[in-house]
PDB file of N, CA and C in Angstrom:
ATOM      1  N   GLN A   1       0.207  -1.193  -0.245  1.00  0.00           N
ATOM      2  CA  GLN A   1      -0.297  -0.061   0.453  1.00  0.00           C
ATOM      3  C   GLN A   1       0.701   0.920   0.097  1.00  0.00           C
ATOM      4  N   GLY A   2       1.988   1.121   0.686  1.00  0.00           N
ATOM      5  CA  GLY A   2       2.521   2.330   0.660  1.00  0.00           C
ATOM      6  C   GLY A   2       3.421   2.643  -0.492  1.00  0.00           C
ATOM      7  N   TYR A   3       3.539   1.878  -1.452  1.00  0.00           N
ATOM      8  CA  TYR A   3       4.058   2.270  -2.875  1.00  0.00           C
ATOM      9  C   TYR A   3       3.518   3.157  -3.692  1.00  0.00           C
ATOM     10  N   ASP A   4       4.428   3.833  -4.244  1.00  0.00           N
ATOM     11  CA  ASP A   4       3.671   4.600  -5.289  1.00  0.00           C
ATOM     12  C   ASP A   4       3.458   4.857  -6.559  1.00  0.00           C
ATOM     13  N   TRP A   5       3.119   3.361  -6.372  1.00  0.00           N
ATOM     14  CA  TRP A   5       3.535   2.630  -8.511  1.00  0.00           C
ATOM     15  C   TRP A   5       3.198   4.134  -9.077  1.00  0.00           C
ATOM     16  N   PRO A   6       4.644   4.088  -9.667  1.00  0.00           N
ATOM     17  CA  PRO A   6       5.058   5.742 -10.498  1.00  0.00           C
ATOM     18  C   PRO A   6       4.108   5.085 -11.979  1.00  0.00           C
ATOM     19  N   GLY A   7       4.222   4.049 -12.298  1.00  0.00           N
ATOM     20  CA  GLY A   7       3.895   3.829 -14.389  1.00  0.00           C
ATOM     21  C   GLY A   7       2.814   2.837 -13.761  1.00  0.00           C
ATOM     22  N   ASN A   8       1.763   3.506 -12.993  1.00  0.00           N
ATOM     23  CA  ASN A   8       0.519   3.281 -12.246  1.00  0.00           C
ATOM     24  C   ASN A   8       0.335   1.958 -13.086  1.00  0.00           C
ATOM     25  N   VAL A   9      -0.673   1.761 -13.710  1.00  0.00           N
ATOM     26  CA  VAL A   9      -1.261   0.085 -14.463  1.00  0.00           C
ATOM     27  C   VAL A   9      -0.961  -0.669 -14.598  1.00  0.00           C
ATOM     28  N   ARG A  10       0.038   0.096 -15.991  1.00  0.00           N
ATOM     29  CA  ARG A  10       1.222  -0.925 -16.709  1.00  0.00           C
ATOM     30  C   ARG A  10       1.858  -1.075 -15.683  1.00  0.00           C
ATOM     31  N   GLU A  11       2.573  -0.440 -14.865  1.00  0.00           N
ATOM     32  CA  GLU A  11       3.462  -1.425 -13.764  1.00  0.00           C
ATOM     33  C   GLU A  11       3.157  -2.486 -13.038  1.00  0.00           C
ATOM     34  N   LEU A  12       1.895  -2.196 -12.755  1.00  0.00           N
ATOM     35  CA  LEU A  12       1.200  -2.850 -11.435  1.00  0.00           C
ATOM     36  C   LEU A  12       1.036  -4.285 -12.376  1.00  0.00           C
ATOM     37  N   ARG A  13       0.112  -4.172 -13.608  1.00  0.00           N
ATOM     38  CA  ARG A  13       0.519  -5.125 -14.521  1.00  0.00           C
ATOM     39  C   ARG A  13       1.723  -6.291 -15.118  1.00  0.00           C
ATOM     40  N   ASN A  14       2.983  -5.518 -14.713  1.00  0.00           N
ATOM     41  CA  ASN A  14       3.439  -6.060 -14.768  1.00  0.00           C
ATOM     42  C   ASN A  14       4.349  -6.857 -14.147  1.00  0.00           C
ATOM     43  N   VAL A  15       4.350  -5.989 -12.848  1.00  0.00           N
ATOM     44  CA  VAL A  15       4.776  -7.257 -11.720  1.00  0.00           C
ATOM     45  C   VAL A  15       3.983  -8.360 -11.105  1.00  0.00           C
ATOM     46  N   VAL A  16       2.364  -8.411 -11.703  1.00  0.00           N
ATOM     47  CA  VAL A  16       1.754  -9.241 -11.243  1.00  0.00           C
ATOM     48  C   VAL A  16       2.329  -9.736 -12.118  1.00  0.00           C
ATOM     49  N   GLU A  17       2.075 -10.197 -12.978  1.00  0.00           N
ATOM     50  CA  GLU A  17       2.308 -10.987 -14.138  1.00  0.00           C
ATOM     51  C   GLU A  17       3.653 -11.883 -14.295  1.00  0.00           C
ATOM     52  N   ARG A  18       4.574 -11.260 -13.977  1.00  0.00           N
ATOM     53  CA  ARG A  18       5.692 -11.619 -13.215  1.00  0.00           C
ATOM     54  C   ARG A  18       5.774 -12.405 -12.494  1.00  0.00           C
ATOM     55  N   LEU A  19       5.016 -12.168 -11.516  1.00  0.00           N
ATOM     56  CA  LEU A  19       4.886 -13.291  -9.617  1.00  0.00           C
ATOM     57  C   LEU A  19       4.756 -14.054 -10.637  1.00  0.00           C
ATOM     58  N   LEU A  20       3.490 -13.803 -11.189  1.00  0.00           N
ATOM     59  CA  LEU A  20       2.337 -15.160 -11.556  1.00  0.00           C
ATOM     60  C   LEU A  20       3.285 -16.418 -12.246  1.00  0.00           C
ATOM     61  N   ILE A  21       4.948 -16.199 -13.140  1.00  0.00           N
ATOM     62  CA  ILE A  21       5.407 -16.479 -14.181  1.00  0.00           C
ATOM     63  C   ILE A  21       6.730 -17.482 -12.883  1.00  0.00           C
ATOM     64  N   MET A  22       6.798 -16.767 -12.544  1.00  0.00           N
ATOM     65  CA  MET A  22       8.024 -17.066 -11.688  1.00  0.00           C
ATOM     66  C   MET A  22       7.687 -17.211 -10.200  1.00  0.00           C
ATOM     67  N   ALA A  23       6.058 -17.187 -10.179  1.00  0.00           N
ATOM     68  CA  ALA A  23       6.018 -18.284  -8.950  1.00  0.00           C
ATOM     69  C   ALA A  23       6.413 -19.219  -9.103  1.00  0.00           C
ATOM     70  N   PRO A  24       6.740 -19.966  -7.809  1.00  0.00           N
ATOM     71  CA  PRO A  24       7.248 -21.825  -7.245  1.00  0.00           C
ATOM     72  C   PRO A  24       5.719 -22.621  -8.438  1.00  0.00           C
ATOM     73  N   GLY A  25       4.518 -21.828  -7.195  1.00  0.00           N
ATOM     74  CA  GLY A  25       2.911 -22.231  -7.916  1.00  0.00           C
ATOM     75  C   GLY A  25       2.355 -22.097  -8.501  1.00  0.00           C
ATOM     76  N   GLY A  26       1.309 -22.901  -9.129  1.00  0.00           N
ATOM     77  CA  GLY A  26       0.656 -22.264 -10.476  1.00  0.00           C
ATOM     78  C   GLY A  26      -0.270 -21.221  -9.995  1.00  0.00           C
ATOM     79  N   PRO A  27      -0.453 -20.575 -11.473  1.00  0.00           N
ATOM     80  CA  PRO A  27      -1.685 -19.581 -11.553  1.00  0.00           C
ATOM     81  C   PRO A  27      -2.442 -19.458 -10.686  1.00  0.00           C
ATOM     82  N   ASP A  28      -3.140 -20.038  -9.564  1.00  0.00           N
ATOM     83  CA  ASP A  28      -4.306 -20.032  -8.829  1.00  0.00           C
ATOM     84  C   ASP A  28      -3.673 -20.206  -7.615  1.00  0.00           C
ATOM     85  N   ASP A  29      -2.023 -20.040  -7.351  1.00  0.00           N
ATOM     86  CA  ASP A  29      -2.281 -20.109  -5.736  1.00  0.00           C
ATOM     87  C   ASP A  29      -1.560 -18.429  -5.840  1.00  0.00           C
ATOM     88  N   VAL A  30      -1.836 -18.354  -4.253  1.00  0.00           N
ATOM     89  CA  VAL A  30      -2.038 -16.938  -3.941  1.00  0.00           C
ATOM     90  C   VAL A  30      -0.836 -16.280  -3.814  1.00  0.00           C
ATOM     91  N   ILE A  31       0.007 -15.152  -3.680  1.00  0.00           N
ATOM     92  CA  ILE A  31       0.743 -14.265  -3.876  1.00  0.00           C
ATOM     93  C   ILE A  31       0.757 -13.448  -3.140  1.00  0.00           C
ATOM     94  N   ARG A  32       2.079 -13.729  -2.319  1.00  0.00           N
ATOM     95  CA  ARG A  32       2.458 -13.465  -0.901  1.00  0.00           C
ATOM     96  C   ARG A  32       2.974 -12.385  -0.681  1.00  0.00           C
ATOM     97  N   ALA A  33       2.965 -11.154  -0.063  1.00  0.00           N
ATOM     98  CA  ALA A  33       4.461 -10.329   0.000  1.00  0.00           C
ATOM     99  C   ALA A  33       5.589 -10.751   0.116  1.00  0.00           C
ATOM    100  N   ASP A  34       5.804 -11.334   0.379  1.00  0.00           N
ATOM    101  CA  ASP A  34       7.662 -12.414   0.375  1.00  0.00           C
ATOM    102  C   ASP A  34       8.004 -12.405  -1.093  1.00  0.00           C
ATOM    103  N   MET A  35       6.959 -12.588  -2.093  1.00  0.00           N
ATOM    104  CA  MET A  35       7.301 -13.167  -3.027  1.00  0.00           C
ATOM    105  C   MET A  35       7.408 -11.579  -4.610  1.00  0.00           C
ATOM    106  N   LEU A  36       6.778 -10.368  -3.289  1.00  0.00           N
ATOM    107  CA  LEU A  36       7.200  -9.241  -4.015  1.00  0.00           C
ATOM    108  C   LEU A  36       8.519  -8.349  -4.685  1.00  0.00           C
ATOM    109  N   PRO A  37       8.690  -7.931  -6.155  1.00  0.00           N
ATOM    110  CA  PRO A  37      10.620  -8.154  -6.202  1.00  0.00           C
ATOM    111  C   PRO A  37      10.708  -6.607  -4.748  1.00  0.00           C
ATOM    112  N   ALA A  38      11.589  -6.256  -4.509  1.00  0.00           N
ATOM    113  CA  ALA A  38      12.808  -6.046  -3.359  1.00  0.00           C
ATOM    114  C   ALA A  38      12.246  -4.198  -3.105  1.00  0.00           C
ATOM    115  N   GLU A  39      11.702  -4.215  -4.160  1.00  0.00           N
ATOM    116  CA  GLU A  39      11.725  -2.217  -4.414  1.00  0.00           C
ATOM    117  C   GLU A  39      10.465  -2.224  -3.425  1.00  0.00           C
ATOM    118  N   LEU A  40       8.960  -3.767  -3.710  1.00  0.00           N
ATOM    119  CA  LEU A  40       8.120  -3.233  -3.655  1.00  0.00           C
ATOM    120  C   LEU A  40       8.190  -3.589  -1.779  1.00  0.00           C
ATOM    121  N   ALA A  41       8.597  -4.462  -1.040  1.00  0.00           N
ATOM    122  CA  ALA A  41       8.705  -4.942  -0.445  1.00  0.00           C
ATOM    123  C   ALA A  41       9.318  -5.248   0.198  1.00  0.00           C
ATOM    124  N   GLY A  42      10.316  -4.516  -0.105  1.00  0.00           N
ATOM    125  CA  GLY A  42      11.482  -4.167   1.494  1.00  0.00           C
ATOM    126  C   GLY A  42      11.925  -5.065   1.481  1.00  0.00           C
ATOM    127  N   VAL A  43      11.997  -6.743   1.238  1.00  0.00           N
ATOM    128  CA  VAL A  43      13.083  -7.854   1.099  1.00  0.00           C
ATOM    129  C   VAL A  43      14.610  -8.108   0.567  1.00  0.00           C
ATOM    130  N   ALA A  44      14.824  -8.757   0.829  1.00  0.00           N
ATOM    131  CA  ALA A  44      16.020  -8.805   0.372  1.00  0.00           C
ATOM    132  C   ALA A  44      15.358  -9.940  -0.832  1.00  0.00           C
ATOM    133  N   PRO A  45      16.516  -9.321  -1.532  1.00  0.00           N
ATOM    134  CA  PRO A  45      15.883 -10.430  -3.290  1.00  0.00           C
ATOM    135  C   PRO A  45      16.431 -11.797  -2.872  1.00  0.00           C
ATOM    136  N   ALA A  46      16.981 -11.977  -2.230  1.00  0.00           N
ATOM    137  CA  ALA A  46      17.039 -13.475  -2.610  1.00  0.00           C
ATOM    138  C   ALA A  46      15.869 -14.367  -1.444  1.00  0.00           C
ATOM    139  N   THR A  47      15.033 -13.585  -0.909  1.00  0.00           N
ATOM    140  CA  THR A  47      13.872 -13.700  -0.843  1.00  0.00           C
ATOM    141  C   THR A  47      12.545 -14.107  -2.055  1.00  0.00           C
ATOM    142  N   LEU A  48      12.578 -14.316  -2.958  1.00  0.00           N
ATOM    143  CA  LEU A  48      11.665 -13.572  -3.670  1.00  0.00           C
ATOM    144  C   LEU A  48      11.770 -14.661  -4.407  1.00  0.00           C
ATOM    145  N   GLY A  49      10.071 -14.645  -4.813  1.00  0.00           N
ATOM    146  CA  GLY A  49      10.144 -15.779  -5.645  1.00  0.00           C
ATOM    147  C   GLY A  49      10.495 -17.981  -5.958  1.00  0.00           C
ATOM    148  N   GLY A  50      11.189 -17.600  -4.484  1.00  0.00           N
ATOM    149  CA  GLY A  50      11.150 -18.730  -4.141  1.00  0.00           C
ATOM    150  C   GLY A  50      12.444 -19.522  -5.112  1.00  0.00           C
ATOM    151  N   ASP A  51      12.221 -20.779  -5.133  1.00  0.00           N
ATOM    152  CA  ASP A  51      13.675 -21.596  -5.295  1.00  0.00           C
ATOM    153  C   ASP A  51      13.246 -21.284  -6.616  1.00  0.00           C
ATOM    154  N   LYS A  52      12.932 -20.495  -7.870  1.00  0.00           N
ATOM    155  CA  LYS A  52      13.219 -20.125  -9.443  1.00  0.00           C
ATOM    156  C   LYS A  52      13.915 -19.053  -8.913  1.00  0.00           C
ATOM    157  N   ALA A  53      13.968 -17.858  -8.202  1.00  0.00           N
ATOM    158  CA  ALA A  53      14.536 -16.241  -8.372  1.00  0.00           C
ATOM    159  C   ALA A  53      15.981 -16.887  -7.454  1.00  0.00           C
ATOM    160  N   ALA A  54      15.963 -17.563  -6.693  1.00  0.00           N
ATOM    161  CA  ALA A  54      16.929 -17.615  -6.356  1.00  0.00           C
ATOM    162  C   ALA A  54      17.571 -18.681  -7.153  1.00  0.00           C
ATOM    163  N   GLU A  55      17.410 -19.741  -8.303  1.00  0.00           N
ATOM    164  CA  GLU A  55      18.309 -20.552  -9.065  1.00  0.00           C
ATOM    165  C   GLU A  55      18.934 -19.588  -9.970  1.00  0.00           C
ATOM    166  N   MET A  56      18.215 -17.696 -10.531  1.00  0.00           N
ATOM    167  CA  MET A  56      18.287 -17.408 -11.275  1.00  0.00           C
ATOM    168  C   MET A  56      19.002 -16.634 -10.786  1.00  0.00           C
ATOM    169  N   LEU A  57      18.993 -16.477  -9.205  1.00  0.00           N
ATOM    170  CA  LEU A  57      20.325 -14.762  -8.964  1.00  0.00           C
ATOM    171  C   LEU A  57      21.528 -15.912  -9.038  1.00  0.00           C
ATOM    172  N   GLY A  58      21.880 -17.205  -9.035  1.00  0.00           N
ATOM    173  CA  GLY A  58      23.204 -17.349  -9.137  1.00  0.00           C
ATOM    174  C   GLY A  58      23.610 -17.717 -10.812  1.00  0.00           C
ATOM    175  N   LEU A  59      22.625 -17.222 -11.401  1.00  0.00           N
ATOM    176  CA  LEU A  59      23.303 -17.385 -12.851  1.00  0.00           C
ATOM    177  C   LEU A  59      23.374 -15.958 -13.501  1.00  0.00           C
ATOM    178  N   PRO A  60      24.667 -15.793 -14.078  1.00  0.00           N
ATOM    179  CA  PRO A  60      24.821 -14.667 -15.062  1.00  0.00           C
ATOM    180  C   PRO A  60      24.028 -13.818 -15.589  1.00  0.00           C
ATOM    181  N   LEU A  61      23.797 -12.268 -15.597  1.00  0.00           N
ATOM    182  CA  LEU A  61      23.122 -12.377 -16.005  1.00  0.00           C
ATOM    183  C   LEU A  61      22.737 -12.955 -17.302  1.00  0.00           C
ATOM    184  N   ARG A  62      23.433 -12.857 -18.529  1.00  0.00           N
ATOM    185  CA  ARG A  62      23.027 -13.877 -19.549  1.00  0.00           C
ATOM    186  C   ARG A  62      21.782 -14.831 -19.707  1.00  0.00           C
ATOM    187  N   ASP A  63      22.343 -15.421 -18.510  1.00  0.00           N
ATOM    188  CA  ASP A  63      21.523 -16.605 -19.463  1.00  0.00           C
ATOM    189  C   ASP A  63      20.434 -16.152 -18.226  1.00  0.00           C
ATOM    190  N   ALA A  64      20.559 -15.977 -16.597  1.00  0.00           N
ATOM    191  CA  ALA A  64      19.304 -15.515 -16.630  1.00  0.00           C
ATOM    192  C   ALA A  64      18.085 -14.303 -16.849  1.00  0.00           C
ATOM    193  N   ARG A  65      18.257 -13.859 -18.015  1.00  0.00           N
ATOM    194  CA  ARG A  65      17.787 -13.023 -18.679  1.00  0.00           C
ATOM    195  C   ARG A  65      17.068 -13.983 -19.949  1.00  0.00           C
ATOM    196  N   GLU A  66      17.455 -15.356 -20.459  1.00  0.00           N
ATOM    197  CA  GLU A  66      17.531 -16.111 -20.784  1.00  0.00           C
ATOM    198  C   GLU A  66      16.163 -17.038 -20.399  1.00  0.00           C
ATOM    199  N   VAL A  67      16.335 -17.169 -19.258  1.00  0.00           N
ATOM    200  CA  VAL A  67      15.774 -18.558 -18.545  1.00  0.00           C
ATOM    201  C   VAL A  67      14.055 -17.515 -18.714  1.00  0.00           C
ATOM    202  N   PHE A  68      14.653 -16.348 -18.173  1.00  0.00           N
ATOM    203  CA  PHE A  68      13.422 -15.306 -17.618  1.00  0.00           C
ATOM    204  C   PHE A  68      12.567 -14.898 -18.901  1.00  0.00           C
ATOM    205  N   GLU A  69      13.201 -15.152 -20.083  1.00  0.00           N
ATOM    206  CA  GLU A  69      12.991 -14.207 -20.918  1.00  0.00           C
ATOM    207  C   GLU A  69      11.661 -15.661 -21.993  1.00  0.00           C
ATOM    208  N   ARG A  70      12.171 -16.851 -21.868  1.00  0.00           N
ATOM    209  CA  ARG A  70      12.071 -18.323 -22.249  1.00  0.00           C
ATOM    210  C   ARG A  70      10.497 -18.393 -21.520  1.00  0.00           C
ATOM    211  N   GLU A  71      10.792 -18.261 -20.451  1.00  0.00           N
ATOM    212  CA  GLU A  71       8.658 -18.134 -19.733  1.00  0.00           C
ATOM    213  C   GLU A  71       8.212 -17.406 -19.396  1.00  0.00           C
ATOM    214  N   TYR A  72       9.229 -16.226 -19.696  1.00  0.00           N
ATOM    215  CA  TYR A  72       7.578 -15.136 -19.908  1.00  0.00           C
ATOM    216  C   TYR A  72       7.003 -15.293 -21.757  1.00  0.00           C
ATOM    217  N   LEU A  73       8.145 -15.527 -22.673  1.00  0.00           N
ATOM    218  CA  LEU A  73       7.302 -15.446 -24.046  1.00  0.00           C
ATOM    219  C   LEU A  73       6.647 -17.009 -23.685  1.00  0.00           C
ATOM    220  N   THR A  74       6.921 -18.399 -23.229  1.00  0.00           N
ATOM    221  CA  THR A  74       6.296 -19.588 -23.190  1.00  0.00           C
ATOM    222  C   THR A  74       4.286 -18.834 -23.046  1.00  0.00           C
ATOM    223  N   ALA A  75       4.858 -18.016 -21.665  1.00  0.00           N
ATOM    224  CA  ALA A  75       3.256 -17.576 -20.589  1.00  0.00           C
ATOM    225  C   ALA A  75       2.516 -16.498 -21.395  1.00  0.00           C
ATOM    226  N   GLN A  76       2.780 -15.785 -22.212  1.00  0.00           N
ATOM    227  CA  GLN A  76       2.575 -15.035 -23.334  1.00  0.00           C
ATOM    228  C   GLN A  76       2.156 -16.036 -24.800  1.00  0.00           C
ATOM    229  N   MET A  77       2.816 -16.571 -24.811  1.00  0.00           N
ATOM    230  CA  MET A  77       2.454 -17.317 -26.326  1.00  0.00           C
ATOM    231  C   MET A  77       1.001 -18.540 -25.218  1.00  0.00           C
ATOM    232  N   SER A  78       1.491 -18.838 -24.662  1.00  0.00           N
ATOM    233  CA  SER A  78      -0.041 -19.095 -23.816  1.00  0.00           C
ATOM    234  C   SER A  78      -1.005 -19.531 -23.972  1.00  0.00           C
ATOM    235  N   ARG A  79      -0.988 -17.602 -23.493  1.00  0.00           N
ATOM    236  CA  ARG A  79      -1.810 -16.753 -23.148  1.00  0.00           C
ATOM    237  C   ARG A  79      -2.554 -16.305 -23.939  1.00  0.00           C
ATOM    238  N   PHE A  80      -2.175 -16.541 -25.416  1.00  0.00           N
ATOM    239  CA  PHE A  80      -2.902 -15.600 -26.273  1.00  0.00           C
ATOM    240  C   PHE A  80      -3.205 -16.937 -27.769  1.00  0.00           C
ATOM    241  N   GLY A  81      -2.897 -18.458 -26.832  1.00  0.00           N
ATOM    242  CA  GLY A  81      -3.313 -19.430 -27.804  1.00  0.00           C
ATOM    243  C   GLY A  81      -2.234 -19.468 -28.316  1.00  0.00           C
ATOM    244  N   GLY A  82      -0.816 -19.317 -28.852  1.00  0.00           N
ATOM    245  CA  GLY A  82       0.337 -19.602 -29.882  1.00  0.00           C
ATOM    246  C   GLY A  82      -0.128 -18.552 -31.069  1.00  0.00           C
ATOM    247  N   ASN A  83      -1.129 -17.641 -30.312  1.00  0.00           N
ATOM    248  CA  ASN A  83      -1.075 -16.679 -31.435  1.00  0.00           C
ATOM    249  C   ASN A  83       0.158 -15.232 -31.599  1.00  0.00           C
ATOM    250  N   ILE A  84       1.260 -15.685 -32.569  1.00  0.00           N
ATOM    251  CA  ILE A  84       1.891 -14.541 -33.259  1.00  0.00           C
ATOM    252  C   ILE A  84       2.095 -13.572 -33.018  1.00  0.00           C
ATOM    253  N   SER A  85       1.178 -12.950 -33.783  1.00  0.00           N
ATOM    254  CA  SER A  85       0.495 -11.566 -33.867  1.00  0.00           C
ATOM    255  C   SER A  85      -0.121 -10.589 -33.045  1.00  0.00           C
ATOM    256  N   ARG A  86      -0.734 -12.075 -31.937  1.00  0.00           N
ATOM    257  CA  ARG A  86      -1.097 -11.126 -30.507  1.00  0.00           C
ATOM    258  C   ARG A  86       0.102 -10.990 -28.993  1.00  0.00           C
ATOM    259  N   THR A  87       0.841 -12.012 -29.701  1.00  0.00           N
ATOM    260  CA  THR A  87       1.632 -12.444 -28.502  1.00  0.00           C
ATOM    261  C   THR A  87       2.451 -11.399 -28.480  1.00  0.00           C
ATOM    262  N   ALA A  88       2.716 -10.745 -29.588  1.00  0.00           N
ATOM    263  CA  ALA A  88       3.953  -9.858 -30.502  1.00  0.00           C
ATOM    264  C   ALA A  88       3.463  -8.254 -30.586  1.00  0.00           C
ATOM    265  N   ALA A  89       2.395  -7.910 -30.368  1.00  0.00           N
ATOM    266  CA  ALA A  89       1.183  -6.977 -29.894  1.00  0.00           C
ATOM    267  C   ALA A  89       1.196  -6.826 -28.736  1.00  0.00           C
ATOM    268  N   PHE A  90       1.459  -7.811 -27.559  1.00  0.00           N
ATOM    269  CA  PHE A  90       1.291  -7.013 -25.670  1.00  0.00           C
ATOM    270  C   PHE A  90       2.131  -6.986 -25.828  1.00  0.00           C
ATOM    271  N   VAL A  91       3.286  -7.909 -25.905  1.00  0.00           N
ATOM    272  CA  VAL A  91       4.664  -7.840 -25.400  1.00  0.00           C
ATOM    273  C   VAL A  91       5.664  -6.633 -25.949  1.00  0.00           C
ATOM    274  N   GLY A  92       4.439  -6.325 -26.925  1.00  0.00           N
ATOM    275  CA  GLY A  92       6.092  -4.796 -28.358  1.00  0.00           C
ATOM    276  C   GLY A  92       6.483  -4.776 -28.435  1.00  0.00           C
ATOM    277  N   MET A  93       6.508  -5.924 -29.571  1.00  0.00           N
ATOM    278  CA  MET A  93       7.814  -6.678 -30.538  1.00  0.00           C
ATOM    279  C   MET A  93       6.736  -6.880 -31.733  1.00  0.00           C
ATOM    280  N   GLU A  94       7.424  -6.720 -32.417  1.00  0.00           N
ATOM    281  CA  GLU A  94       7.067  -7.126 -33.820  1.00  0.00           C
ATOM    282  C   GLU A  94       6.978  -8.118 -34.063  1.00  0.00           C
ATOM    283  N   ARG A  95       5.914  -8.368 -35.148  1.00  0.00           N
ATOM    284  CA  ARG A  95       6.139 -10.320 -35.151  1.00  0.00           C
ATOM    285  C   ARG A  95       7.684 -11.150 -36.114  1.00  0.00           C
ATOM    286  N   SER A  96       7.954 -10.345 -36.741  1.00  0.00           N
ATOM    287  CA  SER A  96       8.949 -11.234 -36.978  1.00  0.00           C
ATOM    288  C   SER A  96      10.262 -10.999 -36.288  1.00  0.00           C
ATOM    289  N   ALA A  97      10.113  -9.590 -35.474  1.00  0.00           N
ATOM    290  CA  ALA A  97      11.098  -9.903 -33.804  1.00  0.00           C
ATOM    291  C   ALA A  97      10.982 -11.244 -32.941  1.00  0.00           C
ATOM    292  N   LEU A  98      10.019 -11.043 -32.802  1.00  0.00           N
ATOM    293  CA  LEU A  98      10.036 -12.576 -31.513  1.00  0.00           C
ATOM    294  C   LEU A  98      10.244 -13.531 -32.695  1.00  0.00           C
ATOM    295  N   HIS A  99       9.532 -13.669 -34.080  1.00  0.00           N
ATOM    296  CA  HIS A  99       9.865 -15.132 -34.342  1.00  0.00           C
ATOM    297  C   HIS A  99      11.282 -15.590 -34.325  1.00  0.00           C
ATOM    298  N   ARG A 100      12.427 -14.390 -34.518  1.00  0.00           N
ATOM    299  CA  ARG A 100      13.657 -14.258 -34.308  1.00  0.00           C
ATOM    300  C   ARG A 100      13.974 -14.043 -32.816  1.00  0.00           C
ATOM    301  N   LYS A 101      13.502 -13.805 -32.300  1.00  0.00           N
ATOM    302  CA  LYS A 101      13.743 -14.455 -30.250  1.00  0.00           C
ATOM    303  C   LYS A 101      13.452 -15.944 -30.018  1.00  0.00           C
ATOM    304  N   LEU A 102      11.830 -16.412 -30.254  1.00  0.00           N
ATOM    305  CA  LEU A 102      11.481 -17.219 -30.223  1.00  0.00           C
ATOM    306  C   LEU A 102      12.479 -18.577 -30.781  1.00  0.00           C
ATOM    307  N   LYS A 103      13.356 -17.706 -31.958  1.00  0.00           N
ATOM    308  CA  LYS A 103      13.404 -18.991 -32.478  1.00  0.00           C
ATOM    309  C   LYS A 103      15.383 -19.183 -31.138  1.00  0.00           C
ATOM    310  N   SER A 104      15.724 -17.812 -31.144  1.00  0.00           N
ATOM    311  CA  SER A 104      17.101 -17.856 -30.574  1.00  0.00           C
ATOM    312  C   SER A 104      17.258 -18.724 -29.081  1.00  0.00           C
ATOM    313  N   LEU A 105      16.011 -18.370 -28.281  1.00  0.00           N
ATOM    314  CA  LEU A 105      15.683 -19.005 -26.964  1.00  0.00           C
ATOM    315  C   LEU A 105      15.497 -21.141 -27.263  1.00  0.00           C
ATOM    316  N   GLY A 106      15.608 -20.709 -29.272  1.00  0.00           N
ATOM    317  CA  GLY A 106      15.280 -22.101 -29.223  1.00  0.00           C
ATOM    318  C   GLY A 106      13.331 -22.666 -28.636  1.00  0.00           C
ATOM    319  N   MET A 107      13.290 -21.915 -29.247  1.00  0.00           N
ATOM    320  CA  MET A 107      11.399 -22.333 -28.508  1.00  0.00           C
ATOM    321  C   MET A 107      10.652 -22.624 -30.201  1.00  0.00           C
ATOM    322  N   HIS A 108       9.339 -23.161 -30.253  1.00  0.00           N
ATOM    323  CA  HIS A 108       9.002 -23.128 -31.423  1.00  0.00           C
ATOM    324  C   HIS A 108       7.974 -22.025 -31.078  1.00  0.00           C
ATOM    325  N   GLY A 109       7.657 -21.180 -32.141  1.00  0.00           N
ATOM    326  CA  GLY A 109       6.631 -20.683 -32.491  1.00  0.00           C
ATOM    327  C   GLY A 109       5.101 -20.778 -31.858  1.00  0.00           C
ATOM    328  N   ASP A 110       4.925 -21.967 -32.710  1.00  0.00           N
ATOM    329  CA  ASP A 110       3.272 -22.383 -32.447  1.00  0.00           C
ATOM    330  C   ASP A 110       3.757 -23.046 -31.644  1.00  0.00           C
ATOM    331  N   GLU A 111       3.120 -22.860 -29.879  1.00  0.00           N
ATOM    332  CA  GLU A 111       2.869 -23.430 -29.351  1.00  0.00           C
ATOM    333  C   GLU A 111       1.899 -24.195 -28.619  1.00  0.00           C
ATOM    334  N   LYS A 112       0.622 -23.865 -29.380  1.00  0.00           N
ATOM    335  CA  LYS A 112      -0.638 -24.089 -29.637  1.00  0.00           C
ATOM    336  C   LYS A 112      -0.713 -25.555 -30.631  1.00  0.00           C
ATOM    337  N   ALA A 113      -0.152 -25.475 -31.448  1.00  0.00           N
ATOM    338  CA  ALA A 113       0.712 -26.810 -32.738  1.00  0.00           C
ATOM    339  C   ALA A 113       1.317 -27.978 -31.230  1.00  0.00           C
ATOM    340  N   GLN A 114       1.884 -27.429 -30.332  1.00  0.00           N
ATOM    341  CA  GLN A 114       3.065 -28.393 -30.073  1.00  0.00           C
ATOM    342  C   GLN A 114       2.192 -29.192 -28.518  1.00  0.00           C
ATOM    343  N   ARG A 115       1.264 -27.860 -28.161  1.00  0.00           N
ATOM    344  CA  ARG A 115      -0.013 -28.042 -27.449  1.00  0.00           C
ATOM    345  C   ARG A 115      -1.076 -30.090 -27.945  1.00  0.00           C
ATOM    346  N   VAL A 116      -1.123 -30.172 -29.065  1.00  0.00           N
ATOM    347  CA  VAL A 116      -1.835 -31.024 -29.587  1.00  0.00           C
ATOM    348  C   VAL A 116      -1.257 -32.170 -30.173  1.00  0.00           C
ATOM    349  N   GLY A 117       0.310 -31.487 -30.366  1.00  0.00           N
ATOM    350  CA  GLY A 117       0.652 -32.896 -30.913  1.00  0.00           C
ATOM    351  C   GLY A 117       1.837 -34.021 -29.772  1.00  0.00           C
ATOM    352  N   ARG A 118       1.519 -33.428 -28.348  1.00  0.00           N
ATOM    353  CA  ARG A 118       1.079 -34.314 -26.961  1.00  0.00           C
ATOM    354  C   ARG A 118       0.695 -35.215 -26.923  1.00  0.00           C
TER     355      ARG A 118
END
């Protein structure tokens, strides 16, 4: 309640989405105060997000960014049913840039096809 939210709704949405992606449980689990970023909760970074965050904090920046990008894009692709255009628009990328990013992360752009093929 004491945080100023300088980014307003966009910042709040980004924090909640990050919590949903990085939280140790599923999307139906409760978000607790100890899961909040340090600037919001005033806690040490090592306690954020449980095991996954602790694991990421032990990685070099490039590797941690890759892990986050892979999880974030997987979640967004799932959110939009594998639709590249809608996912790209939401994350603020051009379709072609999203295709390149997915390829560089070793992901296939058609998440919907992956789910059907399983």
